[in-house]
Amino acid sequence: MTELRTFLTFLAPPNREDEVGGWLALAQCAGWQTREEAGNLRIDADFPGASAADLAPLIARIVAEVPGSNPHLHVDSPQPDWIAESARGLSPFAVGDKFWVDPSPREEGGLFDSGKEPPPRDRILLRIAPERAFGTGTHESTRLVLEWIDRNPPVGKRVLDVGTGSAILAMAAHSLGARRVTAFDNDPEAVFCARRNLPVPRLSKERGVGLFAGTIDAIGAASFDVVLANIVPEVLVILMPAFRLRVRTGGSLVLAGILRESAGAVSDAAARNGFGQISVHGLGEWVAIEAVRT
C-alpha cells in the first residue's frame, strides 16, 4: 500500500521565495515545487506523515506574513517515484582505488535499503539515494571527479563543492581527510536530498560538511584549497572569475560535466582567469579539467 502524504499549497511573491524556503526547511519539509501563477509563485510543499496539527504553526506564520497566500492542505497518494524505482536494479560499484558507491533507494522511514551488497573491507562506502539531485556516481562526469579525489586525497584541506547535488563529491572529500567541506546548490530540493545522504554522526564543527542552498556569492571572500564543480560548461565559464577569487594561490580547481567538444572553451576560460597547469582527463565522451591557481 502506498502511504498517504500531506501537501501544503500556498501563494507567495517571487521576492519572498528564499525567505519562505527557510520556513519550509525549519518545518522539515521533504521538498517543494514552485511555478508561476498570476504574478505569484504557487508553492507545493511535501510533508510525508505530517498532520494538520503538525503544520498549524507554519500555516499561521504564512497567513500572518504573506498576505493573499491562501494556504490549504490536501492529502494524496503520490505518483510512483520513478527515479527510485529505476534505481532498484542498480548494484553497488567501485570507483577508483578507494570508493564503493551504493545507489540504494530509501525505504519506508527514509532509511536505506539494507539488502544491498556490503562494501569490500578496503573501500569507503558512499551511499547515495537516487533522488531528484544529480550525482549517484553512475554518470561519467561524477566518476571523473571521484577518481580525482581518490588520486589526490584532500587531507587537512578546505574544500568547496559547487552545485553539490546529492553531495557525493563532498562526502568523498570528507571521507579522505578534508579539514572542512563547504557544499551548496541553488536548488533547495537538492540540498534536502544532500542532507539526507550525509552520515550525520561524522559531522562536527571542526571537521565535517556544511551545506546551504544559495549561490557562490553567499560565501563571500572565503578561499579554499580545492574547488570542485560538476555542472554544465556554460555555467563553468560564467563562474570562472568567482572560482579565481575562491581558490587560494597554488590550490586546485576541478571541473566536470563537460563534453569533449566543450573542453577547449572551459580550459581557455580557466587560463584567462589565472589558472595554469591545466590538464584534461576523459571517460567516454566526458572530460574533467584540473587547473592550478597561479
C-alpha atoms as a PDB file:
ATOM      1  CA  MET A   1       0.000   0.000   0.000  1.00  0.00           C
ATOM      2  CA  THR A   2       1.292   3.488  -0.880  1.00  0.00           C
ATOM      3  CA  GLU A   3       1.483   5.737   2.157  1.00  0.00           C
ATOM      4  CA  LEU A   4      -0.672   8.848   2.004  1.00  0.00           C
ATOM      5  CA  ARG A   5       1.202  12.129   2.197  1.00  0.00           C
ATOM      6  CA  THR A   6       0.280  15.658   3.248  1.00  0.00           C
ATOM      7  CA  PHE A   7       0.847  18.554   0.863  1.00  0.00           C
ATOM      8  CA  LEU A   8       0.666  22.264   1.703  1.00  0.00           C
ATOM      9  CA  THR A   9      -0.103  24.606  -1.198  1.00  0.00           C
ATOM     10  CA  PHE A  10       0.060  28.401  -0.981  1.00  0.00           C
ATOM     11  CA  LEU A  11       0.975  31.546  -2.940  1.00  0.00           C
ATOM     12  CA  ALA A  12       3.943  33.846  -2.321  1.00  0.00           C
ATOM     13  CA  PRO A  13       5.547  36.781  -4.161  1.00  0.00           C
ATOM     14  CA  PRO A  14       8.675  35.780  -6.119  1.00  0.00           C
ATOM     15  CA  ASN A  15      10.871  38.027  -3.954  1.00  0.00           C
ATOM     16  CA  ARG A  16       9.857  36.046  -0.849  1.00  0.00           C
ATOM     17  CA  GLU A  17      10.876  32.635  -2.250  1.00  0.00           C
ATOM     18  CA  ASP A  18      14.162  32.321  -0.316  1.00  0.00           C
ATOM     19  CA  GLU A  19      12.559  33.503   2.935  1.00  0.00           C
ATOM     20  CA  VAL A  20       9.625  31.113   2.609  1.00  0.00           C
ATOM     21  CA  GLY A  21      12.021  28.325   1.681  1.00  0.00           C
ATOM     22  CA  GLY A  22      13.740  28.860   5.023  1.00  0.00           C
ATOM     23  CA  TRP A  23      10.421  28.448   6.841  1.00  0.00           C
ATOM     24  CA  LEU A  24       9.757  25.201   4.986  1.00  0.00           C
ATOM     25  CA  ALA A  25      13.213  23.903   5.826  1.00  0.00           C
ATOM     26  CA  LEU A  26      12.706  24.632   9.524  1.00  0.00           C
ATOM     27  CA  ALA A  27       9.394  22.761   9.344  1.00  0.00           C
ATOM     28  CA  GLN A  28      11.272  19.743   7.939  1.00  0.00           C
ATOM     29  CA  CYS A  29       9.618  19.826   4.551  1.00  0.00           C
ATOM     30  CA  ALA A  30      10.736  16.891   2.405  1.00  0.00           C
ATOM     31  CA  GLY A  31      10.804  19.092  -0.708  1.00  0.00           C
ATOM     32  CA  TRP A  32       8.736  21.519  -2.723  1.00  0.00           C
ATOM     33  CA  GLN A  33       7.990  22.676  -6.223  1.00  0.00           C
ATOM     34  CA  THR A  34       7.214  26.176  -7.480  1.00  0.00           C
ATOM     35  CA  ARG A  35       5.511  27.517 -10.570  1.00  0.00           C
ATOM     36  CA  GLU A  36       4.312  30.917 -11.673  1.00  0.00           C
ATOM     37  CA  GLU A  37       0.657  31.737 -11.143  1.00  0.00           C
ATOM     38  CA  ALA A  38      -0.816  35.198 -11.816  1.00  0.00           C
ATOM     39  CA  GLY A  39       2.379  37.043 -10.903  1.00  0.00           C
ATOM     40  CA  ASN A  40       2.994  34.963  -7.782  1.00  0.00           C
ATOM     41  CA  LEU A  41       4.656  31.669  -7.072  1.00  0.00           C
ATOM     42  CA  ARG A  42       2.473  28.689  -6.308  1.00  0.00           C
ATOM     43  CA  ILE A  43       4.368  26.542  -3.835  1.00  0.00           C
ATOM     44  CA  ASP A  44       3.510  22.871  -3.328  1.00  0.00           C
ATOM     45  CA  ALA A  45       5.341  21.537  -0.274  1.00  0.00           C
ATOM     46  CA  ASP A  46       5.532  17.869   0.695  1.00  0.00           C
ATOM     47  CA  PHE A  47       5.316  16.815   4.373  1.00  0.00           C
ATOM     48  CA  PRO A  48       5.184  12.988   4.498  1.00  0.00           C
ATOM     49  CA  GLY A  49       3.418  11.742   7.606  1.00  0.00           C
ATOM     50  CA  ALA A  50       2.545  15.230   8.906  1.00  0.00           C
ATOM     51  CA  SER A  51      -0.862  16.048  10.345  1.00  0.00           C
ATOM     52  CA  ALA A  52      -2.798  19.308  10.158  1.00  0.00           C
ATOM     53  CA  ALA A  53      -1.857  19.950  13.777  1.00  0.00           C
ATOM     54  CA  ASP A  54       1.832  19.469  12.988  1.00  0.00           C
ATOM     55  CA  LEU A  55       1.666  22.126  10.289  1.00  0.00           C
ATOM     56  CA  ALA A  56      -0.566  24.593  12.123  1.00  0.00           C
ATOM     57  CA  PRO A  57       2.329  26.858  13.311  1.00  0.00           C
ATOM     58  CA  LEU A  58       3.768  27.049   9.791  1.00  0.00           C
ATOM     59  CA  ILE A  59       0.360  27.813   8.272  1.00  0.00           C
ATOM     60  CA  ALA A  60      -0.267  30.531  10.864  1.00  0.00           C
ATOM     61  CA  ARG A  61       3.066  32.147  10.014  1.00  0.00           C
ATOM     62  CA  ILE A  62       2.343  32.064   6.289  1.00  0.00           C
ATOM     63  CA  VAL A  63      -1.103  33.615   6.782  1.00  0.00           C
ATOM     64  CA  ALA A  64       0.279  36.354   9.040  1.00  0.00           C
ATOM     65  CA  GLU A  65       3.346  37.284   6.981  1.00  0.00           C
ATOM     66  CA  VAL A  66       2.347  36.561   3.372  1.00  0.00           C
ATOM     67  CA  PRO A  67      -0.913  38.372   2.538  1.00  0.00           C
ATOM     68  CA  GLY A  68      -3.024  36.567  -0.030  1.00  0.00           C
ATOM     69  CA  SER A  69      -1.137  33.308   0.434  1.00  0.00           C
ATOM     70  CA  ASN A  70      -4.349  31.260   0.761  1.00  0.00           C
ATOM     71  CA  PRO A  71      -2.671  28.138   2.189  1.00  0.00           C
ATOM     72  CA  HIS A  72      -4.542  24.843   2.139  1.00  0.00           C
ATOM     73  CA  LEU A  73      -3.736  21.239   2.914  1.00  0.00           C
ATOM     74  CA  HIS A  74      -4.555  18.172   0.922  1.00  0.00           C
ATOM     75  CA  VAL A  75      -3.774  14.526   1.422  1.00  0.00           C
ATOM     76  CA  ASP A  76      -2.884  12.472  -1.598  1.00  0.00           C
ATOM     77  CA  SER A  77      -1.326   9.249  -2.755  1.00  0.00           C
ATOM     78  CA  PRO A  78       1.750  10.390  -4.698  1.00  0.00           C
ATOM     79  CA  GLN A  79       2.775   9.158  -8.102  1.00  0.00           C
ATOM     80  CA  PRO A  80       5.403   6.424  -8.026  1.00  0.00           C
ATOM     81  CA  ASP A  81       8.952   7.708  -7.632  1.00  0.00           C
ATOM     82  CA  TRP A  82      10.264   6.567 -10.982  1.00  0.00           C
ATOM     83  CA  ILE A  83      13.788   7.677 -10.119  1.00  0.00           C
ATOM     84  CA  ALA A  84      13.911   5.342  -7.122  1.00  0.00           C
ATOM     85  CA  GLU A  85      12.091   2.586  -8.965  1.00  0.00           C
ATOM     86  CA  SER A  86      14.541   2.617 -11.844  1.00  0.00           C
ATOM     87  CA  ALA A  87      17.460   2.537  -9.415  1.00  0.00           C
ATOM     88  CA  ARG A  88      16.319  -0.565  -7.595  1.00  0.00           C
ATOM     89  CA  GLY A  89      18.085  -2.651 -10.202  1.00  0.00           C
ATOM     90  CA  LEU A  90      21.395  -0.825  -9.771  1.00  0.00           C
ATOM     91  CA  SER A  91      24.173  -2.611  -7.937  1.00  0.00           C
ATOM     92  CA  PRO A  92      26.927  -1.029  -5.846  1.00  0.00           C
ATOM     93  CA  PHE A  93      30.163  -0.457  -7.724  1.00  0.00           C
ATOM     94  CA  ALA A  94      33.793   0.521  -7.184  1.00  0.00           C
ATOM     95  CA  VAL A  95      35.245   3.863  -8.251  1.00  0.00           C
ATOM     96  CA  GLY A  96      38.989   4.349  -8.256  1.00  0.00           C
ATOM     97  CA  ASP A  97      41.006   2.517  -5.620  1.00  0.00           C
ATOM     98  CA  LYS A  98      39.127   3.709  -2.531  1.00  0.00           C
ATOM     99  CA  PHE A  99      35.406   4.268  -3.088  1.00  0.00           C
ATOM    100  CA  TRP A 100      32.392   1.949  -3.084  1.00  0.00           C
ATOM    101  CA  VAL A 101      29.276   3.730  -4.355  1.00  0.00           C
ATOM    102  CA  ASP A 102      25.895   2.321  -3.346  1.00  0.00           C
ATOM    103  CA  PRO A 103      22.943   3.981  -5.166  1.00  0.00           C
ATOM    104  CA  SER A 104      20.345   2.454  -2.837  1.00  0.00           C
ATOM    105  CA  PRO A 105      16.809   3.847  -2.823  1.00  0.00           C
ATOM    106  CA  ARG A 106      15.356   4.782   0.524  1.00  0.00           C
ATOM    107  CA  GLU A 107      12.833   2.538   2.176  1.00  0.00           C
ATOM    108  CA  GLU A 108       9.976   3.463   4.493  1.00  0.00           C
ATOM    109  CA  GLY A 109      11.044   5.951   7.141  1.00  0.00           C
ATOM    110  CA  GLY A 110      13.834   7.379   4.980  1.00  0.00           C
ATOM    111  CA  LEU A 111      16.289   4.580   5.721  1.00  0.00           C
ATOM    112  CA  PHE A 112      18.465   2.993   3.084  1.00  0.00           C
ATOM    113  CA  ASP A 113      17.663  -0.420   1.659  1.00  0.00           C
ATOM    114  CA  SER A 114      19.748  -2.770   3.807  1.00  0.00           C
ATOM    115  CA  GLY A 115      19.698  -5.609   1.303  1.00  0.00           C
ATOM    116  CA  LYS A 116      22.443  -4.256  -0.953  1.00  0.00           C
ATOM    117  CA  GLU A 117      25.860  -5.839  -1.228  1.00  0.00           C
ATOM    118  CA  PRO A 118      28.187  -4.598   1.571  1.00  0.00           C
ATOM    119  CA  PRO A 119      31.384  -2.780   0.573  1.00  0.00           C
ATOM    120  CA  PRO A 120      34.739  -4.567   0.458  1.00  0.00           C
ATOM    121  CA  ARG A 121      36.663  -4.003   3.656  1.00  0.00           C
ATOM    122  CA  ASP A 122      39.307  -1.863   1.970  1.00  0.00           C
ATOM    123  CA  ARG A 123      36.840   0.624   0.405  1.00  0.00           C
ATOM    124  CA  ILE A 124      34.950   3.672   1.659  1.00  0.00           C
ATOM    125  CA  LEU A 125      31.165   3.442   1.373  1.00  0.00           C
ATOM    126  CA  LEU A 126      29.310   6.327  -0.281  1.00  0.00           C
ATOM    127  CA  ARG A 127      25.551   5.705  -0.040  1.00  0.00           C
ATOM    128  CA  ILE A 128      23.632   7.968  -2.373  1.00  0.00           C
ATOM    129  CA  ALA A 129      19.863   7.684  -2.666  1.00  0.00           C
ATOM    130  CA  PRO A 130      18.636   8.115  -6.274  1.00  0.00           C
ATOM    131  CA  GLU A 131      16.504  11.191  -5.725  1.00  0.00           C
ATOM    132  CA  ARG A 132      16.000  14.464  -7.594  1.00  0.00           C
ATOM    133  CA  ALA A 133      19.549  15.673  -7.029  1.00  0.00           C
ATOM    134  CA  PHE A 134      22.262  14.888  -9.557  1.00  0.00           C
ATOM    135  CA  GLY A 135      25.112  12.622  -8.558  1.00  0.00           C
ATOM    136  CA  THR A 136      24.561   8.927  -7.815  1.00  0.00           C
ATOM    137  CA  GLY A 137      28.058   8.191  -9.114  1.00  0.00           C
ATOM    138  CA  THR A 138      26.861   6.342 -12.198  1.00  0.00           C
ATOM    139  CA  HIS A 139      27.475   9.237 -14.594  1.00  0.00           C
ATOM    140  CA  GLU A 140      30.934   9.591 -16.135  1.00  0.00           C
ATOM    141  CA  SER A 141      31.295  13.204 -15.009  1.00  0.00           C
ATOM    142  CA  THR A 142      30.775  12.244 -11.364  1.00  0.00           C
ATOM    143  CA  ARG A 143      33.159   9.310 -11.662  1.00  0.00           C
ATOM    144  CA  LEU A 144      35.856  11.549 -13.104  1.00  0.00           C
ATOM    145  CA  VAL A 145      35.792  13.847 -10.074  1.00  0.00           C
ATOM    146  CA  LEU A 146      35.622  10.922  -7.642  1.00  0.00           C
ATOM    147  CA  GLU A 147      38.690   9.459  -9.325  1.00  0.00           C
ATOM    148  CA  TRP A 148      40.493  12.797  -8.984  1.00  0.00           C
ATOM    149  CA  ILE A 149      39.678  12.914  -5.256  1.00  0.00           C
ATOM    150  CA  ASP A 150      40.849   9.295  -4.992  1.00  0.00           C
ATOM    151  CA  ARG A 151      44.214  10.191  -6.575  1.00  0.00           C
ATOM    152  CA  ASN A 152      44.542  13.464  -4.634  1.00  0.00           C
ATOM    153  CA  PRO A 153      43.237  12.924  -1.080  1.00  0.00           C
ATOM    154  CA  PRO A 154      42.489  16.395   0.352  1.00  0.00           C
ATOM    155  CA  VAL A 155      43.953  15.622   3.779  1.00  0.00           C
ATOM    156  CA  GLY A 156      43.756  18.685   6.006  1.00  0.00           C
ATOM    157  CA  LYS A 157      42.437  20.875   3.184  1.00  0.00           C
ATOM    158  CA  ARG A 158      39.438  23.149   2.857  1.00  0.00           C
ATOM    159  CA  VAL A 159      37.165  22.052   0.003  1.00  0.00           C
ATOM    160  CA  LEU A 160      34.299  23.829  -1.768  1.00  0.00           C
ATOM    161  CA  ASP A 161      31.743  21.747  -3.694  1.00  0.00           C
ATOM    162  CA  VAL A 162      29.856  23.983  -6.147  1.00  0.00           C
ATOM    163  CA  GLY A 163      26.431  22.683  -7.244  1.00  0.00           C
ATOM    164  CA  THR A 164      26.688  19.777  -4.825  1.00  0.00           C
ATOM    165  CA  GLY A 165      23.547  17.889  -5.962  1.00  0.00           C
ATOM    166  CA  SER A 166      23.497  14.679  -3.935  1.00  0.00           C
ATOM    167  CA  ALA A 167      26.675  15.711  -2.009  1.00  0.00           C
ATOM    168  CA  ILE A 168      28.566  12.663  -3.267  1.00  0.00           C
ATOM    169  CA  LEU A 169      31.698  14.698  -4.001  1.00  0.00           C
ATOM    170  CA  ALA A 170      31.511  16.483  -0.645  1.00  0.00           C
ATOM    171  CA  MET A 171      31.187  13.125   1.125  1.00  0.00           C
ATOM    172  CA  ALA A 172      34.127  11.693  -0.817  1.00  0.00           C
ATOM    173  CA  ALA A 173      36.362  14.656   0.037  1.00  0.00           C
ATOM    174  CA  HIS A 174      35.336  14.496   3.689  1.00  0.00           C
ATOM    175  CA  SER A 175      35.987  10.745   3.855  1.00  0.00           C
ATOM    176  CA  LEU A 176      39.564  11.226   2.596  1.00  0.00           C
ATOM    177  CA  GLY A 177      40.537  13.696   5.270  1.00  0.00           C
ATOM    178  CA  ALA A 178      39.384  17.157   4.218  1.00  0.00           C
ATOM    179  CA  ARG A 179      39.566  19.522   7.173  1.00  0.00           C
ATOM    180  CA  ARG A 180      36.300  21.153   6.172  1.00  0.00           C
ATOM    181  CA  VAL A 181      33.957  20.831   3.189  1.00  0.00           C
ATOM    182  CA  THR A 182      31.515  23.565   2.225  1.00  0.00           C
ATOM    183  CA  ALA A 183      28.856  22.428  -0.253  1.00  0.00           C
ATOM    184  CA  PHE A 184      25.988  24.322  -1.823  1.00  0.00           C
ATOM    185  CA  ASP A 185      23.398  24.170  -4.578  1.00  0.00           C
ATOM    186  CA  ASN A 186      20.988  26.757  -5.943  1.00  0.00           C
ATOM    187  CA  ASP A 187      18.209  24.130  -5.854  1.00  0.00           C
ATOM    188  CA  PRO A 188      16.775  23.832  -2.310  1.00  0.00           C
ATOM    189  CA  GLU A 189      15.399  20.360  -3.069  1.00  0.00           C
ATOM    190  CA  ALA A 190      18.896  19.166  -3.965  1.00  0.00           C
ATOM    191  CA  VAL A 191      20.159  20.399  -0.603  1.00  0.00           C
ATOM    192  CA  PHE A 192      17.398  18.470   1.191  1.00  0.00           C
ATOM    193  CA  CYS A 193      18.478  15.334  -0.675  1.00  0.00           C
ATOM    194  CA  ALA A 194      22.126  16.009   0.109  1.00  0.00           C
ATOM    195  CA  ARG A 195      21.455  16.486   3.817  1.00  0.00           C
ATOM    196  CA  ARG A 196      19.629  13.142   3.938  1.00  0.00           C
ATOM    197  CA  ASN A 197      22.632  11.438   2.327  1.00  0.00           C
ATOM    198  CA  LEU A 198      25.212  12.770   4.766  1.00  0.00           C
ATOM    199  CA  PRO A 199      26.341  10.362   7.502  1.00  0.00           C
ATOM    200  CA  VAL A 200      25.306  12.664  10.353  1.00  0.00           C
ATOM    201  CA  PRO A 201      27.393  11.120  13.175  1.00  0.00           C
ATOM    202  CA  ARG A 202      30.563  12.034  11.264  1.00  0.00           C
ATOM    203  CA  LEU A 203      29.784  15.725  11.132  1.00  0.00           C
ATOM    204  CA  SER A 204      31.264  18.233  13.535  1.00  0.00           C
ATOM    205  CA  LYS A 205      32.016  21.928  13.707  1.00  0.00           C
ATOM    206  CA  GLU A 206      35.736  21.251  13.390  1.00  0.00           C
ATOM    207  CA  ARG A 207      35.620  18.742  10.574  1.00  0.00           C
ATOM    208  CA  GLY A 208      32.571  17.974   8.528  1.00  0.00           C
ATOM    209  CA  VAL A 209      30.365  19.059   5.666  1.00  0.00           C
ATOM    210  CA  GLY A 210      28.495  22.361   5.709  1.00  0.00           C
ATOM    211  CA  LEU A 211      25.508  22.565   3.346  1.00  0.00           C
ATOM    212  CA  PHE A 212      23.438  25.501   2.171  1.00  0.00           C
ATOM    213  CA  ALA A 213      21.051  26.482  -0.597  1.00  0.00           C
ATOM    214  CA  GLY A 214      22.214  29.543  -2.488  1.00  0.00           C
ATOM    215  CA  THR A 215      24.930  30.820  -4.796  1.00  0.00           C
ATOM    216  CA  ILE A 216      28.705  31.143  -4.614  1.00  0.00           C
ATOM    217  CA  ASP A 217      28.327  34.801  -3.601  1.00  0.00           C
ATOM    218  CA  ALA A 218      26.999  33.659  -0.226  1.00  0.00           C
ATOM    219  CA  ILE A 219      30.453  32.511   0.904  1.00  0.00           C
ATOM    220  CA  GLY A 220      31.939  35.969   0.485  1.00  0.00           C
ATOM    221  CA  ALA A 221      35.701  36.122   0.004  1.00  0.00           C
ATOM    222  CA  ALA A 222      36.489  32.797   1.683  1.00  0.00           C
ATOM    223  CA  SER A 223      39.224  30.864  -0.119  1.00  0.00           C
ATOM    224  CA  PHE A 224      39.730  27.123  -0.452  1.00  0.00           C
ATOM    225  CA  ASP A 225      42.495  24.664  -1.224  1.00  0.00           C
ATOM    226  CA  VAL A 226      40.251  22.707  -3.592  1.00  0.00           C
ATOM    227  CA  VAL A 227      37.156  23.791  -5.521  1.00  0.00           C
ATOM    228  CA  LEU A 228      35.031  21.097  -7.199  1.00  0.00           C
ATOM    229  CA  ALA A 229      32.316  21.909  -9.733  1.00  0.00           C
ATOM    230  CA  ASN A 230      30.421  19.273 -11.714  1.00  0.00           C
ATOM    231  CA  ILE A 231      27.976  21.411 -13.690  1.00  0.00           C
ATOM    232  CA  VAL A 232      27.355  22.392 -17.307  1.00  0.00           C
ATOM    233  CA  PRO A 233      30.241  24.078 -19.192  1.00  0.00           C
ATOM    234  CA  GLU A 234      28.309  27.263 -19.966  1.00  0.00           C
ATOM    235  CA  VAL A 235      27.917  27.912 -16.238  1.00  0.00           C
ATOM    236  CA  LEU A 236      31.527  26.926 -15.510  1.00  0.00           C
ATOM    237  CA  VAL A 237      32.721  29.617 -17.916  1.00  0.00           C
ATOM    238  CA  ILE A 238      30.457  32.244 -16.318  1.00  0.00           C
ATOM    239  CA  LEU A 239      31.653  31.302 -12.821  1.00  0.00           C
ATOM    240  CA  MET A 240      35.372  31.311 -13.675  1.00  0.00           C
ATOM    241  CA  PRO A 241      36.049  34.794 -12.172  1.00  0.00           C
ATOM    242  CA  ALA A 242      34.301  33.652  -8.990  1.00  0.00           C
ATOM    243  CA  PHE A 243      36.442  30.496  -8.958  1.00  0.00           C
ATOM    244  CA  ARG A 244      39.565  32.652  -9.221  1.00  0.00           C
ATOM    245  CA  LEU A 245      38.528  34.523  -6.075  1.00  0.00           C
ATOM    246  CA  ARG A 246      37.760  31.342  -4.124  1.00  0.00           C
ATOM    247  CA  VAL A 247      40.766  29.139  -4.992  1.00  0.00           C
ATOM    248  CA  ARG A 248      43.832  30.099  -2.994  1.00  0.00           C
ATOM    249  CA  THR A 249      47.156  30.532  -4.799  1.00  0.00           C
ATOM    250  CA  GLY A 250      48.505  27.049  -5.520  1.00  0.00           C
ATOM    251  CA  GLY A 251      45.092  25.487  -4.954  1.00  0.00           C
ATOM    252  CA  SER A 252      43.247  23.166  -7.333  1.00  0.00           C
ATOM    253  CA  LEU A 253      40.141  23.754  -9.438  1.00  0.00           C
ATOM    254  CA  VAL A 254      38.464  20.551 -10.654  1.00  0.00           C
ATOM    255  CA  LEU A 255      35.702  20.924 -13.234  1.00  0.00           C
ATOM    256  CA  ALA A 256      33.408  18.304 -14.763  1.00  0.00           C
ATOM    257  CA  GLY A 257      30.092  17.961 -16.574  1.00  0.00           C
ATOM    258  CA  ILE A 258      31.979  18.784 -19.765  1.00  0.00           C
ATOM    259  CA  LEU A 259      31.616  17.057 -23.121  1.00  0.00           C
ATOM    260  CA  ARG A 260      34.876  16.688 -25.041  1.00  0.00           C
ATOM    261  CA  GLU A 261      33.886  19.294 -27.621  1.00  0.00           C
ATOM    262  CA  SER A 262      33.477  21.898 -24.846  1.00  0.00           C
ATOM    263  CA  ALA A 263      36.801  21.202 -23.123  1.00  0.00           C
ATOM    264  CA  GLY A 264      38.681  23.862 -25.091  1.00  0.00           C
ATOM    265  CA  ALA A 265      36.286  26.664 -24.186  1.00  0.00           C
ATOM    266  CA  VAL A 266      36.389  25.792 -20.484  1.00  0.00           C
ATOM    267  CA  SER A 267      40.201  25.411 -20.465  1.00  0.00           C
ATOM    268  CA  ASP A 268      40.607  28.770 -22.222  1.00  0.00           C
ATOM    269  CA  ALA A 269      38.341  30.471 -19.685  1.00  0.00           C
ATOM    270  CA  ALA A 270      40.409  28.968 -16.857  1.00  0.00           C
ATOM    271  CA  ALA A 271      43.650  30.215 -18.413  1.00  0.00           C
ATOM    272  CA  ARG A 272      42.233  33.733 -18.846  1.00  0.00           C
ATOM    273  CA  ASN A 273      41.328  33.806 -15.155  1.00  0.00           C
ATOM    274  CA  GLY A 274      44.696  32.976 -13.677  1.00  0.00           C
ATOM    275  CA  PHE A 275      44.760  29.185 -13.725  1.00  0.00           C
ATOM    276  CA  GLY A 276      47.712  27.217 -15.073  1.00  0.00           C
ATOM    277  CA  GLN A 277      48.942  23.620 -15.260  1.00  0.00           C
ATOM    278  CA  ILE A 278      45.677  22.761 -16.960  1.00  0.00           C
ATOM    279  CA  SER A 279      45.139  19.061 -17.637  1.00  0.00           C
ATOM    280  CA  VAL A 280      42.222  17.143 -19.130  1.00  0.00           C
ATOM    281  CA  HIS A 281      41.121  13.624 -18.139  1.00  0.00           C
ATOM    282  CA  GLY A 282      38.496  11.756 -20.164  1.00  0.00           C
ATOM    283  CA  LEU A 283      35.991   8.966 -19.725  1.00  0.00           C
ATOM    284  CA  GLY A 284      33.935   8.174 -22.785  1.00  0.00           C
ATOM    285  CA  GLU A 285      32.627  11.410 -24.266  1.00  0.00           C
ATOM    286  CA  TRP A 286      33.040  13.307 -20.991  1.00  0.00           C
ATOM    287  CA  VAL A 287      36.077  15.072 -19.524  1.00  0.00           C
ATOM    288  CA  ALA A 288      37.210  16.619 -16.266  1.00  0.00           C
ATOM    289  CA  ILE A 289      39.598  19.561 -16.191  1.00  0.00           C
ATOM    290  CA  GLU A 290      42.120  20.185 -13.421  1.00  0.00           C
ATOM    291  CA  ALA A 291      43.807  23.572 -13.085  1.00  0.00           C
ATOM    292  CA  VAL A 292      46.061  25.208 -10.512  1.00  0.00           C
ATOM    293  CA  ARG A 293      45.595  28.795  -9.323  1.00  0.00           C
ATOM    294  CA  THR A 294      48.741  30.763 -10.174  1.00  0.00           C
END
